[in-house]
Amino acid sequence: MTATREAADSVLTGLSGIRNWQEDFYRDLHEHPELSHQEFATAGTVAERLRGSGFQVHDGVGGTGVVGILANGPGPTVLLRADMDALPVFEKTGLDYASTVRVTDADGNDVPVMHACGHDVHVTALLGAAQLLAEGAEHWGGTLVALFQPAEETADGARAMVDDGLAALLPTVDVAFGQHVLPVPAGMVGIHAGPFLATADSMRITVHGRGAHGSMPQSAVDPVVLAAMIVIRLQTVVAREIAPVESAVLTVGSIAAGSKSNVIPDHAVLQLNIRTYNEQTRTTILDAIRRIVTAECQASGSPREPEFELFDRFPLTDNDVDTTKRLAEAFSTFFGDRSIELPQGMGSEDFSEIPNGLGVPYSYWGFGGIDAAAFQKAAELGRINQDIPVNHSATFAPVIQPTLDTGTQALVIAAMEWLAR
C-alpha cells in the first residue's frame, strides 16, 4: 500500500463518525430546497459548518456562494466544488422527507421546488469531506478550498463567483475537482478523460404573424403554422448538416402561441436547447437555426423579422487528461471494480468556469445514486430507461447510502492524491 493510500485511509477512518449527521443533514436539505440565486439558508448552514471545522470562510461570493479555506502548511492547493441550487419541480418521490416547498421564482411565478438533480448530495458529501480532512490534518499538507456554488441550473453561478473576485480570495490553486450523482448503481464511481460533458445553449425565438379571427384565416399570417413548420424543419439540422461521427442534440422544448381556440395569434415563441462537443459544430447548428427560421418566416410572409435570444449557456467540461489519469488510478486503487470509465454524456455543467477562470487543470466525475438491486432488476428486464428515475425527474431520489459515503470518499481520495504527506 502506498503512503498516499495509507494517508487517505487514515483520514477516512472518521467516516463512520460523521454518517449520522450527514444523513440527517441530507434529509433536511432535501426537504428544504432553494432555487438558483435563492440559496440563502443553504449557504448560511454551509458557512456555519465550515467555520465549525476551522475553515476561514468567505460568504456572499457571486451572490450566495460560499468559499472555505483551510491552510495546513506548505504544499499544493486543491479546490473541491459542490453546487447548492434546486429546481422548479413538484416532487413525487413519496419520501417522508420529500419537499413541499413553493416559492416565487425570478419571473414572479409561484413554483414548486425540489432537489431533483442531487445537489443536496453534493453539498452533504463536500461538507463531510471537509470535516474529515480538517480532523485528519496531520496526514496532509497544503491548502484545501471547499467551494459551494450557487445557480448551476441557470448556468451563471460559477461565472458569477469568478467575476466577483474569487481568485483574489484564494491562494494559487493547483487543481480543481467536482462531481455529480448519476442514475447508476450507488457505490460506483466513474470518470472520463478529455471532453466529458457537452456545451449547451438555450435559444428563445419569437416569430411574428398577423392575428385574425379563426374563421378568417385568409386575413392572417398564422404563427402557429409557421412555428410548426420550423419545428419540423429543425429536425433535419443534426440529421443532415452534422457529420454522423459528431455528437449533437437539438431539442425544441417549448412552443407558446395564442390563448383561445378561435383566435389566430400575432406571434409564437419557441425555446430550443442545443448540445455539442466542439465550437465548429455549435456554430454550424446555430447558423442553421437562424437560416431556417428566417427562411420559414419569409415563406409565410411574416410582417417582421424573427428575434433570437441566447441564454443559459453551459461551457464544455473537458477533463485534463493527465489529472484525470492520475485520479482514475487513485479511484481504481481505492474503489476496485466499483471504479469505471464513463462514456461522454450530453448533460452539461458550469463547473469548468471556475478552474478555467483560475487557469488551473481540473477533473469532474460521476458517482452512483440508484439502489443497486433495483438497477440490476431493471437491467435484467431491459427497462432501465422506463424504471430508473434520472436527474431532473420528479421521482429522482438517490438512496442515502452508500451514495453519501461514496461521494464523500471520492472527494477525500481526490484531495489526498495531491495533498498527502
Protein backbone atom coordinates (compact mmCIF):
# COMPACT_ATOMS: atom_id res chain seq x y z
CA MET A 1 0.00 0.00 0.00
CA THR A 2 1.37 3.43 -0.96
CA ALA A 3 1.95 6.21 1.52
CA THR A 4 -0.77 8.26 -0.22
CA ARG A 5 -3.29 5.45 0.12
CA GLU A 6 -2.37 4.94 3.77
CA ALA A 7 -2.81 8.67 4.46
CA ALA A 8 -6.18 8.71 2.68
CA ASP A 9 -7.33 5.66 4.59
CA SER A 10 -6.30 7.34 7.82
CA VAL A 11 -8.42 10.41 7.00
CA LEU A 12 -11.36 8.20 6.05
CA THR A 13 -11.34 6.32 9.35
CA GLY A 14 -13.51 9.15 10.64
CA LEU A 15 -16.28 8.42 8.11
CA SER A 16 -18.32 6.25 10.47
CA GLY A 17 -18.34 9.09 12.97
CA ILE A 18 -19.97 11.59 10.60
CA ARG A 19 -22.59 9.37 8.95
CA ASN A 20 -25.38 10.24 11.36
CA TRP A 21 -25.10 14.00 10.96
CA GLN A 22 -24.54 13.68 7.20
CA GLU A 23 -27.69 11.60 6.75
CA ASP A 24 -29.76 13.95 8.92
CA PHE A 25 -28.32 16.98 7.15
CA TYR A 26 -29.11 15.46 3.76
CA ARG A 27 -32.72 14.74 4.66
CA ASP A 28 -33.19 18.26 5.97
CA LEU A 29 -31.59 19.84 2.91
CA HIS A 30 -33.66 17.68 0.57
CA GLU A 31 -36.81 18.75 2.41
CA HIS A 32 -35.86 22.44 2.25
CA PRO A 33 -34.52 23.13 -1.26
CA GLU A 34 -33.83 26.59 -2.67
CA LEU A 35 -33.88 27.81 -6.26
CA SER A 36 -30.90 29.26 -8.11
CA HIS A 37 -29.73 32.57 -6.60
CA GLN A 38 -32.04 31.97 -3.61
CA GLU A 39 -29.75 29.60 -1.67
CA PHE A 40 -29.61 31.82 1.41
CA ALA A 41 -30.46 29.28 4.11
CA THR A 42 -28.31 26.57 2.49
CA ALA A 43 -25.35 28.95 2.22
CA GLY A 44 -25.76 30.03 5.84
CA THR A 45 -25.74 26.46 7.11
CA VAL A 46 -22.75 25.58 4.93
CA ALA A 47 -20.77 28.57 6.20
CA GLU A 48 -21.58 27.70 9.82
CA ARG A 49 -20.39 24.10 9.40
CA LEU A 50 -17.18 25.17 7.64
CA ARG A 51 -16.36 27.61 10.44
CA GLY A 52 -17.01 24.85 12.93
CA SER A 53 -14.36 22.75 11.16
CA GLY A 54 -11.79 25.54 11.34
CA PHE A 55 -12.09 26.95 7.82
CA GLN A 56 -11.66 30.62 7.01
CA VAL A 57 -14.98 31.41 5.33
CA HIS A 58 -15.97 33.93 2.67
CA ASP A 59 -19.69 34.08 2.00
CA GLY A 60 -21.82 36.07 -0.42
CA VAL A 61 -19.37 35.34 -3.26
CA GLY A 62 -21.17 35.75 -6.56
CA GLY A 63 -24.41 36.23 -4.67
CA THR A 64 -24.84 33.26 -2.35
CA GLY A 65 -21.58 31.36 -2.95
CA VAL A 66 -19.51 30.16 0.00
CA VAL A 67 -15.75 29.55 0.00
CA GLY A 68 -13.96 27.80 2.86
CA ILE A 69 -10.15 27.84 3.07
CA LEU A 70 -8.15 25.55 5.33
CA ALA A 71 -4.41 26.27 5.27
CA ASN A 72 -2.28 23.42 6.61
CA GLY A 73 1.34 24.35 5.99
CA PRO A 74 3.31 24.15 2.75
CA GLY A 75 2.04 22.13 -0.19
CA PRO A 76 -0.34 22.35 -3.13
CA THR A 77 -3.79 23.95 -3.08
CA VAL A 78 -6.73 21.74 -4.01
CA LEU A 79 -10.20 23.10 -4.74
CA LEU A 80 -13.29 20.92 -4.24
CA ARG A 81 -16.62 22.22 -5.50
CA ALA A 82 -20.29 21.43 -4.85
CA ASP A 83 -23.38 23.15 -6.27
CA MET A 84 -26.27 24.10 -3.99
CA ASP A 85 -29.36 25.02 -6.04
CA ALA A 86 -32.57 23.08 -6.66
CA LEU A 87 -35.13 23.03 -9.47
CA PRO A 88 -38.73 24.20 -10.02
CA VAL A 89 -40.06 20.63 -9.94
CA PHE A 90 -43.00 19.20 -7.96
CA GLU A 91 -41.61 16.26 -6.00
CA LYS A 92 -43.31 12.87 -6.45
CA THR A 93 -40.88 10.58 -4.63
CA GLY A 94 -43.22 9.78 -1.75
CA LEU A 95 -40.34 10.07 0.70
CA ASP A 96 -41.11 11.10 4.26
CA TYR A 97 -38.58 13.92 3.74
CA ALA A 98 -39.95 14.98 0.35
CA SER A 99 -40.07 18.69 -0.39
CA THR A 100 -43.37 20.55 -0.25
CA VAL A 101 -41.70 23.93 -0.74
CA ARG A 102 -43.21 26.53 -3.06
CA VAL A 103 -41.63 29.91 -3.77
CA THR A 104 -41.83 32.84 -6.13
CA ASP A 105 -39.26 32.48 -8.90
CA ALA A 106 -37.27 35.23 -10.64
CA ASP A 107 -40.13 35.80 -13.10
CA GLY A 108 -42.72 36.23 -10.35
CA ASN A 109 -44.28 32.78 -10.78
CA ASP A 110 -45.33 30.57 -7.90
CA VAL A 111 -43.41 27.32 -8.38
CA PRO A 112 -42.67 24.09 -6.50
CA VAL A 113 -39.04 23.40 -5.56
CA MET A 114 -37.20 20.07 -5.41
CA HIS A 115 -33.62 18.84 -5.25
CA ALA A 116 -34.29 16.84 -8.41
CA CYS A 117 -30.66 16.85 -9.58
CA GLY A 118 -28.84 15.68 -6.48
CA HIS A 119 -27.17 18.91 -5.46
CA ASP A 120 -28.20 18.12 -1.90
CA VAL A 121 -26.00 15.03 -2.14
CA HIS A 122 -23.11 17.15 -3.45
CA VAL A 123 -23.33 19.66 -0.61
CA THR A 124 -23.55 16.95 2.06
CA ALA A 125 -20.63 14.98 0.63
CA LEU A 126 -18.36 18.03 0.41
CA LEU A 127 -19.19 19.14 3.96
CA GLY A 128 -18.35 15.64 5.15
CA ALA A 129 -15.09 15.55 3.20
CA ALA A 130 -14.14 18.98 4.53
CA GLN A 131 -14.69 17.85 8.12
CA LEU A 132 -12.73 14.62 7.63
CA LEU A 133 -9.80 16.45 6.05
CA ALA A 134 -9.82 19.06 8.82
CA GLU A 135 -9.84 16.39 11.51
CA GLY A 136 -7.14 14.40 9.71
CA ALA A 137 -4.86 17.37 9.02
CA GLU A 138 -1.79 15.54 10.35
CA HIS A 139 -1.91 13.30 7.28
CA TRP A 140 -1.62 16.03 4.65
CA GLY A 141 -0.05 19.38 3.89
CA GLY A 142 -1.08 22.31 1.73
CA THR A 143 -4.36 24.18 1.43
CA LEU A 144 -7.88 22.86 0.95
CA VAL A 145 -10.54 25.05 -0.67
CA ALA A 146 -14.15 23.91 -0.23
CA LEU A 147 -16.29 25.90 -2.67
CA PHE A 148 -20.09 25.84 -2.60
CA GLN A 149 -21.53 27.32 -5.76
CA PRO A 150 -24.96 28.82 -6.39
CA ALA A 151 -27.01 28.74 -9.57
CA GLU A 152 -25.58 25.83 -11.53
CA GLU A 153 -29.00 25.13 -13.03
CA THR A 154 -29.11 28.59 -14.62
CA ALA A 155 -25.52 28.29 -15.88
CA ASP A 156 -24.37 31.54 -14.31
CA GLY A 157 -23.38 30.71 -10.73
CA ALA A 158 -19.78 29.69 -11.39
CA ARG A 159 -19.14 32.68 -13.63
CA ALA A 160 -20.70 34.96 -11.02
CA MET A 161 -18.21 33.73 -8.40
CA VAL A 162 -15.26 34.22 -10.77
CA ASP A 163 -16.46 37.69 -11.75
CA ASP A 164 -16.91 38.59 -8.08
CA GLY A 165 -13.19 38.24 -7.44
CA LEU A 166 -12.87 34.58 -6.50
CA ALA A 167 -9.20 34.44 -7.49
CA ALA A 168 -8.31 37.28 -5.11
CA LEU A 169 -9.75 35.32 -2.17
CA LEU A 170 -7.64 32.23 -2.80
CA PRO A 171 -4.01 31.23 -2.73
CA THR A 172 -2.74 29.95 -6.08
CA VAL A 173 -4.84 26.87 -6.84
CA ASP A 174 -3.09 23.85 -8.34
CA VAL A 175 -6.03 21.66 -9.29
CA ALA A 176 -9.84 21.69 -9.05
CA PHE A 177 -12.35 18.85 -8.70
CA GLY A 178 -16.09 18.42 -8.90
CA GLN A 179 -18.54 15.53 -9.00
CA HIS A 180 -22.17 14.68 -9.77
CA VAL A 181 -24.52 11.96 -8.57
CA LEU A 182 -25.93 9.99 -11.52
CA PRO A 183 -28.67 7.39 -12.19
CA VAL A 184 -26.24 4.45 -11.97
CA PRO A 185 -25.79 1.94 -9.12
CA ALA A 186 -24.87 3.51 -5.79
CA GLY A 187 -21.30 2.81 -4.82
CA MET A 188 -19.97 3.20 -8.37
CA VAL A 189 -17.57 5.98 -9.36
CA GLY A 190 -16.89 6.83 -13.00
CA ILE A 191 -14.54 9.20 -14.75
CA HIS A 192 -13.65 10.18 -18.33
CA ALA A 193 -10.55 11.95 -19.64
CA GLY A 194 -10.95 14.73 -22.19
CA PRO A 195 -14.31 16.16 -23.32
CA PHE A 196 -16.85 14.68 -20.90
CA LEU A 197 -19.97 16.86 -20.78
CA ALA A 198 -21.35 18.87 -23.67
CA THR A 199 -21.71 22.58 -24.19
CA ALA A 200 -25.33 23.68 -24.02
CA ASP A 201 -27.07 26.72 -25.43
CA SER A 202 -30.68 27.68 -24.89
CA MET A 203 -32.30 29.89 -27.50
CA ARG A 204 -35.59 31.77 -27.42
CA ILE A 205 -37.07 32.55 -30.84
CA THR A 206 -40.01 34.85 -31.43
CA VAL A 207 -41.71 34.66 -34.82
CA HIS A 208 -44.31 37.22 -35.86
CA GLY A 209 -47.55 36.82 -37.73
CA ARG A 210 -50.76 38.76 -38.19
CA GLY A 211 -53.64 37.99 -35.88
CA ALA A 212 -57.19 37.37 -37.05
CA HIS A 213 -60.44 35.58 -36.25
CA GLY A 214 -60.23 31.81 -36.52
CA SER A 215 -62.99 31.90 -39.18
CA MET A 216 -60.98 34.25 -41.42
CA PRO A 217 -57.52 32.70 -41.84
CA GLN A 218 -57.11 34.49 -45.17
CA SER A 219 -56.64 37.71 -43.20
CA ALA A 220 -53.91 36.24 -41.02
CA VAL A 221 -50.29 35.20 -41.12
CA ASP A 222 -50.61 32.25 -38.78
CA PRO A 223 -47.59 31.99 -36.43
CA VAL A 224 -48.80 28.62 -35.12
CA VAL A 225 -48.44 27.03 -38.54
CA LEU A 226 -45.17 28.89 -39.01
CA ALA A 227 -43.82 27.57 -35.71
CA ALA A 228 -44.91 24.04 -36.63
CA MET A 229 -43.04 24.20 -39.93
CA ILE A 230 -39.93 25.47 -38.12
CA VAL A 231 -40.05 22.57 -35.66
CA ILE A 232 -40.29 20.01 -38.45
CA ARG A 233 -37.50 21.58 -40.48
CA LEU A 234 -35.19 21.87 -37.46
CA GLN A 235 -35.25 18.08 -37.11
CA THR A 236 -33.09 17.89 -40.24
CA VAL A 237 -30.23 20.00 -38.86
CA VAL A 238 -28.43 17.29 -36.90
CA ALA A 239 -29.52 14.54 -39.30
CA ARG A 240 -28.41 16.31 -42.49
CA GLU A 241 -25.93 19.07 -41.60
CA ILE A 242 -23.77 17.42 -38.91
CA ALA A 243 -21.35 14.60 -39.70
CA PRO A 244 -22.54 11.24 -38.31
CA VAL A 245 -19.31 10.90 -36.29
CA GLU A 246 -20.07 14.13 -34.42
CA SER A 247 -22.40 14.20 -31.40
CA ALA A 248 -25.09 16.86 -31.23
CA VAL A 249 -28.63 17.34 -29.95
CA LEU A 250 -31.19 19.95 -30.97
CA THR A 251 -34.38 19.94 -28.91
CA VAL A 252 -37.42 22.18 -29.20
CA GLY A 253 -38.57 22.14 -25.61
CA SER A 254 -41.34 24.73 -25.65
CA ILE A 255 -43.80 26.37 -28.03
CA ALA A 256 -46.16 29.11 -26.81
CA ALA A 257 -48.74 30.80 -29.00
CA GLY A 258 -52.28 32.06 -28.65
CA SER A 259 -54.82 31.91 -25.87
CA LYS A 260 -58.13 30.84 -27.45
CA SER A 261 -59.23 28.27 -29.99
CA ASN A 262 -60.88 30.74 -32.39
CA VAL A 263 -58.21 33.45 -32.30
CA ILE A 264 -55.18 33.31 -34.58
CA PRO A 265 -52.42 35.00 -32.55
CA ASP A 266 -49.88 37.51 -33.81
CA HIS A 267 -46.73 35.76 -32.58
CA ALA A 268 -45.28 32.49 -31.32
CA VAL A 269 -42.32 31.80 -29.05
CA LEU A 270 -40.14 28.70 -29.37
CA GLN A 271 -37.46 27.66 -26.90
CA LEU A 272 -34.62 25.45 -28.10
CA ASN A 273 -31.74 23.60 -26.48
CA ILE A 274 -28.55 22.77 -28.40
CA ARG A 275 -25.78 20.45 -27.14
CA THR A 276 -22.43 19.90 -28.83
CA TYR A 277 -18.82 18.96 -28.09
CA ASN A 278 -16.96 21.47 -30.23
CA GLU A 279 -17.27 25.07 -31.35
CA GLN A 280 -17.45 24.29 -35.06
CA THR A 281 -20.47 22.01 -34.61
CA ARG A 282 -22.10 24.54 -32.31
CA THR A 283 -21.63 27.33 -34.85
CA THR A 284 -22.99 25.15 -37.67
CA ILE A 285 -26.16 24.40 -35.71
CA LEU A 286 -26.75 27.97 -34.54
CA ASP A 287 -26.25 29.28 -38.09
CA ALA A 288 -28.62 26.64 -39.46
CA ILE A 289 -31.31 27.58 -36.93
CA ARG A 290 -31.15 31.23 -37.89
CA ARG A 291 -31.18 30.39 -41.60
CA ILE A 292 -34.15 28.03 -41.35
CA VAL A 293 -36.23 30.27 -39.09
CA THR A 294 -35.60 33.33 -41.25
CA ALA A 295 -36.46 31.42 -44.43
CA GLU A 296 -39.67 29.97 -42.99
CA CYS A 297 -40.72 33.43 -41.84
CA GLN A 298 -40.14 34.78 -45.33
CA ALA A 299 -42.03 31.85 -46.85
CA SER A 300 -45.00 32.59 -44.57
CA GLY A 301 -44.97 36.32 -45.28
CA SER A 302 -44.15 37.36 -41.73
CA PRO A 303 -44.60 41.12 -41.24
CA ARG A 304 -41.46 41.29 -39.06
CA GLU A 305 -38.09 39.60 -38.84
CA PRO A 306 -37.75 36.86 -36.21
CA GLU A 307 -35.98 37.58 -32.93
CA PHE A 308 -33.27 35.34 -31.46
CA GLU A 309 -32.06 35.33 -27.86
CA LEU A 310 -29.34 33.04 -26.49
CA PHE A 311 -29.41 32.30 -22.75
CA ASP A 312 -28.30 29.72 -20.18
CA ARG A 313 -25.08 28.79 -21.95
CA PHE A 314 -23.07 25.95 -20.38
CA PRO A 315 -19.39 25.51 -21.26
CA LEU A 316 -17.70 22.29 -22.33
CA THR A 317 -16.48 20.09 -19.47
CA ASP A 318 -13.08 18.98 -20.79
CA ASN A 319 -11.24 16.95 -18.14
CA ASP A 320 -7.48 17.46 -18.10
CA VAL A 321 -6.02 14.20 -19.38
CA ASP A 322 -3.01 13.94 -17.04
CA THR A 323 -5.00 14.97 -13.98
CA THR A 324 -7.81 12.57 -14.82
CA LYS A 325 -5.44 9.65 -15.46
CA ARG A 326 -3.84 10.18 -12.05
CA LEU A 327 -7.23 10.46 -10.39
CA ALA A 328 -8.57 7.37 -12.18
CA GLU A 329 -5.64 5.35 -10.83
CA ALA A 330 -6.35 6.59 -7.31
CA PHE A 331 -10.05 5.72 -7.63
CA SER A 332 -9.22 2.27 -9.03
CA THR A 333 -6.87 1.60 -6.12
CA PHE A 334 -9.47 2.60 -3.53
CA PHE A 335 -12.79 1.54 -5.10
CA GLY A 336 -11.58 -1.51 -7.06
CA ASP A 337 -14.14 -2.77 -9.59
CA ARG A 338 -16.57 -0.06 -8.45
CA SER A 339 -14.39 2.41 -10.36
CA ILE A 340 -15.31 2.57 -14.05
CA GLU A 341 -14.77 4.69 -17.12
CA LEU A 342 -17.89 6.66 -18.01
CA PRO A 343 -18.80 7.48 -21.61
CA GLN A 344 -19.28 11.05 -22.78
CA GLY A 345 -22.63 12.48 -21.79
CA MET A 346 -24.88 15.12 -23.32
CA GLY A 347 -25.55 16.64 -19.92
CA SER A 348 -23.93 19.98 -19.17
CA GLU A 349 -22.27 21.74 -16.22
CA ASP A 350 -20.86 25.18 -15.47
CA PHE A 351 -18.20 23.84 -13.04
CA SER A 352 -15.40 24.37 -15.60
CA GLU A 353 -15.93 28.13 -15.44
CA ILE A 354 -14.18 28.06 -12.05
CA PRO A 355 -10.93 26.27 -12.98
CA ASN A 356 -10.90 27.98 -16.36
CA GLY A 357 -11.27 31.33 -14.60
CA LEU A 358 -8.41 30.41 -12.26
CA GLY A 359 -6.30 28.95 -15.07
CA VAL A 360 -5.86 25.51 -13.48
CA PRO A 361 -6.39 21.88 -14.62
CA TYR A 362 -9.47 20.07 -13.44
CA SER A 363 -11.33 16.81 -13.43
CA TYR A 364 -15.03 16.14 -12.96
CA TRP A 365 -16.51 12.69 -12.29
CA GLY A 366 -19.80 10.95 -11.61
CA PHE A 367 -20.93 8.57 -8.87
CA GLY A 368 -24.00 6.40 -8.48
CA GLY A 369 -27.15 7.10 -6.51
CA ILE A 370 -29.55 4.29 -7.50
CA ASP A 371 -30.26 1.26 -5.35
CA ALA A 372 -28.03 -1.44 -6.85
CA ALA A 373 -30.64 -4.21 -6.62
CA ALA A 374 -33.31 -2.05 -8.29
CA PHE A 375 -30.89 -1.10 -11.05
CA GLN A 376 -29.90 -4.75 -11.62
CA LYS A 377 -33.54 -5.83 -11.82
CA ALA A 378 -34.32 -3.08 -14.34
CA ALA A 379 -31.27 -4.07 -16.38
CA GLU A 380 -32.31 -7.73 -16.45
CA LEU A 381 -35.77 -6.75 -17.69
CA GLY A 382 -34.40 -4.31 -20.25
CA ARG A 383 -36.27 -1.49 -18.52
CA ILE A 384 -33.56 0.87 -17.26
CA ASN A 385 -35.00 3.80 -19.24
CA GLN A 386 -38.51 3.07 -18.00
CA ASP A 387 -37.86 2.15 -14.38
CA ILE A 388 -34.83 4.14 -13.22
CA PRO A 389 -35.54 7.83 -12.49
CA VAL A 390 -32.98 10.23 -13.91
CA ASN A 391 -31.78 13.67 -12.83
CA HIS A 392 -34.45 16.38 -13.11
CA SER A 393 -37.21 13.79 -12.76
CA ALA A 394 -39.88 14.39 -10.11
CA THR A 395 -39.09 10.91 -8.78
CA PHE A 396 -35.28 11.19 -8.70
CA ALA A 397 -34.16 10.41 -5.16
CA PRO A 398 -30.69 8.92 -4.58
CA VAL A 399 -30.57 6.24 -1.89
CA ILE A 400 -28.87 7.78 1.11
CA GLN A 401 -26.30 5.01 1.48
CA PRO A 402 -23.90 4.09 0.05
CA THR A 403 -24.37 7.26 -2.01
CA LEU A 404 -23.19 9.71 0.67
CA ASP A 405 -20.29 7.50 1.70
CA THR A 406 -19.13 7.16 -1.91
CA GLY A 407 -19.38 10.87 -2.69
CA THR A 408 -17.51 11.75 0.49
CA GLN A 409 -14.84 9.12 -0.11
CA ALA A 410 -14.28 10.22 -3.71
CA LEU A 411 -13.66 13.83 -2.67
CA VAL A 412 -11.24 12.81 0.07
CA ILE A 413 -9.35 10.45 -2.27
CA ALA A 414 -9.07 13.19 -4.91
CA ALA A 415 -7.79 15.76 -2.43
CA MET A 416 -5.37 13.37 -0.77
CA GLU A 417 -3.86 12.31 -4.07
CA TRP A 418 -2.40 15.83 -4.22
CA LEU A 419 -2.15 16.74 -0.53
CA ALA A 420 -0.97 13.57 1.23
CA ARG A 421 2.35 13.83 3.04
